[in-house]
């Protein structure tokens, strides 16, 4: 699997996770109907399934690397859905996390 496919899977997984979690947030914090939980659960199931598609041997490593993409996606959600513009510290932190994710994903490893 090439880097573009991995990134796209992580990107779609992040959208699914954030949307699923936001559905619960909307229900519990914004006073929306409990029916928001139904698409939220479906979205979270899609998120979990997507992470299984990443071509990496260890689940924990796939989840750790995903964290960097999740952080960047969360800041995009913050800006595009919630209307709060991330500041430079948000951007710097996201870039540091993406660099860490790249190290986790692409470091040379001995066969185990």
Protein backbone atom coordinates (compact mmCIF):
# COMPACT_ATOMS: atom_id res chain seq x y z
CA UNK A 1 0.00 0.00 0.00
CA UNK A 2 1.46 3.36 -0.93
CA UNK A 3 1.57 6.51 1.18
CA UNK A 4 -1.38 8.14 -0.64
CA UNK A 5 -3.68 5.20 0.05
CA UNK A 6 -2.64 5.09 3.70
CA UNK A 7 -3.21 8.83 4.09
CA UNK A 8 -6.63 8.63 2.42
CA UNK A 9 -7.70 5.77 4.68
CA UNK A 10 -6.56 7.76 7.72
CA UNK A 11 -8.32 10.87 6.44
CA UNK A 12 -11.63 9.05 5.92
CA UNK A 13 -11.22 7.33 9.29
CA UNK A 14 -10.68 10.70 10.96
CA UNK A 15 -13.80 12.18 9.40
CA UNK A 16 -15.81 9.13 10.48
CA UNK A 17 -14.45 9.25 14.04
CA UNK A 18 -14.92 12.98 14.47
CA UNK A 19 -18.45 12.86 13.02
CA UNK A 20 -19.35 9.93 15.27
CA UNK A 21 -18.00 11.60 18.38
CA UNK A 22 -19.60 14.91 17.42
CA UNK A 23 -22.97 13.18 17.21
CA UNK A 24 -22.62 12.22 20.88
CA UNK A 25 -21.37 15.72 21.71
CA UNK A 26 -24.42 17.21 19.96
CA UNK A 27 -26.76 14.94 21.91
CA UNK A 28 -25.16 15.36 25.32
CA UNK A 29 -23.77 18.90 25.17
CA UNK A 30 -25.86 20.72 22.58
CA UNK A 31 -29.27 19.31 23.50
CA UNK A 32 -29.89 17.53 20.20
CA UNK A 33 -32.19 14.51 19.95
CA UNK A 34 -30.97 11.13 21.17
CA UNK A 35 -31.50 10.02 17.56
CA UNK A 36 -28.16 11.68 16.78
CA UNK A 37 -26.57 8.65 18.45
CA UNK A 38 -27.68 6.27 15.65
CA UNK A 39 -25.61 7.83 12.84
CA UNK A 40 -22.88 8.47 15.40
CA UNK A 41 -22.59 4.76 16.16
CA UNK A 42 -22.59 3.87 12.47
CA UNK A 43 -19.89 6.45 11.82
CA UNK A 44 -17.74 5.05 14.65
CA UNK A 45 -18.13 1.52 13.27
CA UNK A 46 -16.96 2.75 9.84
CA UNK A 47 -13.99 4.45 11.51
CA UNK A 48 -12.93 1.20 13.20
CA UNK A 49 -13.33 -0.77 9.97
CA UNK A 50 -11.26 1.75 8.00
CA UNK A 51 -8.31 1.41 10.39
CA UNK A 52 -8.19 -2.31 9.65
CA UNK A 53 -7.43 -1.48 6.00
CA UNK A 54 -4.05 0.10 6.76
CA UNK A 55 -1.24 -2.17 5.60
CA UNK A 56 0.73 -2.42 8.83
CA UNK A 57 1.43 -5.50 10.94
CA UNK A 58 0.55 -4.18 14.42
CA UNK A 59 -2.76 -2.57 15.35
CA UNK A 60 -1.17 -0.37 18.00
CA UNK A 61 1.26 1.08 15.47
CA UNK A 62 -1.58 1.79 13.03
CA UNK A 63 -3.54 3.57 15.77
CA UNK A 64 -0.51 5.55 16.94
CA UNK A 65 0.30 6.79 13.44
CA UNK A 66 -3.38 7.61 12.85
CA UNK A 67 -3.22 10.00 15.81
CA UNK A 68 -1.32 12.61 13.81
CA UNK A 69 -3.88 12.64 11.02
CA UNK A 70 -6.69 12.72 13.59
CA UNK A 71 -5.24 15.83 15.23
CA UNK A 72 -4.96 17.69 11.93
CA UNK A 73 -8.47 16.59 10.93
CA UNK A 74 -9.86 17.73 14.29
CA UNK A 75 -8.45 21.21 13.72
CA UNK A 76 -9.98 21.31 10.23
CA UNK A 77 -13.31 20.26 11.81
CA UNK A 78 -12.89 22.99 14.45
CA UNK A 79 -12.57 25.58 11.72
CA UNK A 80 -15.03 24.30 9.11
CA UNK A 81 -17.85 22.97 11.31
CA UNK A 82 -17.53 24.86 14.59
CA UNK A 83 -16.36 28.13 13.07
CA UNK A 84 -13.32 28.51 15.36
CA UNK A 85 -10.12 29.31 13.49
CA UNK A 86 -7.09 27.36 14.72
CA UNK A 87 -4.17 29.54 15.78
CA UNK A 88 -0.50 29.13 14.92
CA UNK A 89 0.10 26.94 17.98
CA UNK A 90 -2.60 24.56 16.80
CA UNK A 91 -0.92 24.40 13.39
CA UNK A 92 2.57 23.89 14.84
CA UNK A 93 1.30 21.15 17.14
CA UNK A 94 -0.47 19.38 14.27
CA UNK A 95 2.68 19.46 12.13
CA UNK A 96 4.73 17.98 14.98
CA UNK A 97 2.16 15.21 15.36
CA UNK A 98 2.15 14.50 11.60
CA UNK A 99 5.94 14.25 11.65
CA UNK A 100 5.68 11.75 14.50
CA UNK A 101 3.09 9.75 12.59
CA UNK A 102 5.39 9.61 9.56
CA UNK A 103 8.24 8.30 11.72
CA UNK A 104 5.98 5.58 13.14
CA UNK A 105 4.66 4.54 9.73
CA UNK A 106 7.74 4.73 7.58
CA UNK A 107 10.71 3.96 9.84
CA UNK A 108 12.80 1.03 8.60
CA UNK A 109 12.11 -2.01 10.76
CA UNK A 110 13.58 -5.46 10.93
CA UNK A 111 11.19 -8.28 10.06
CA UNK A 112 9.56 -9.68 13.16
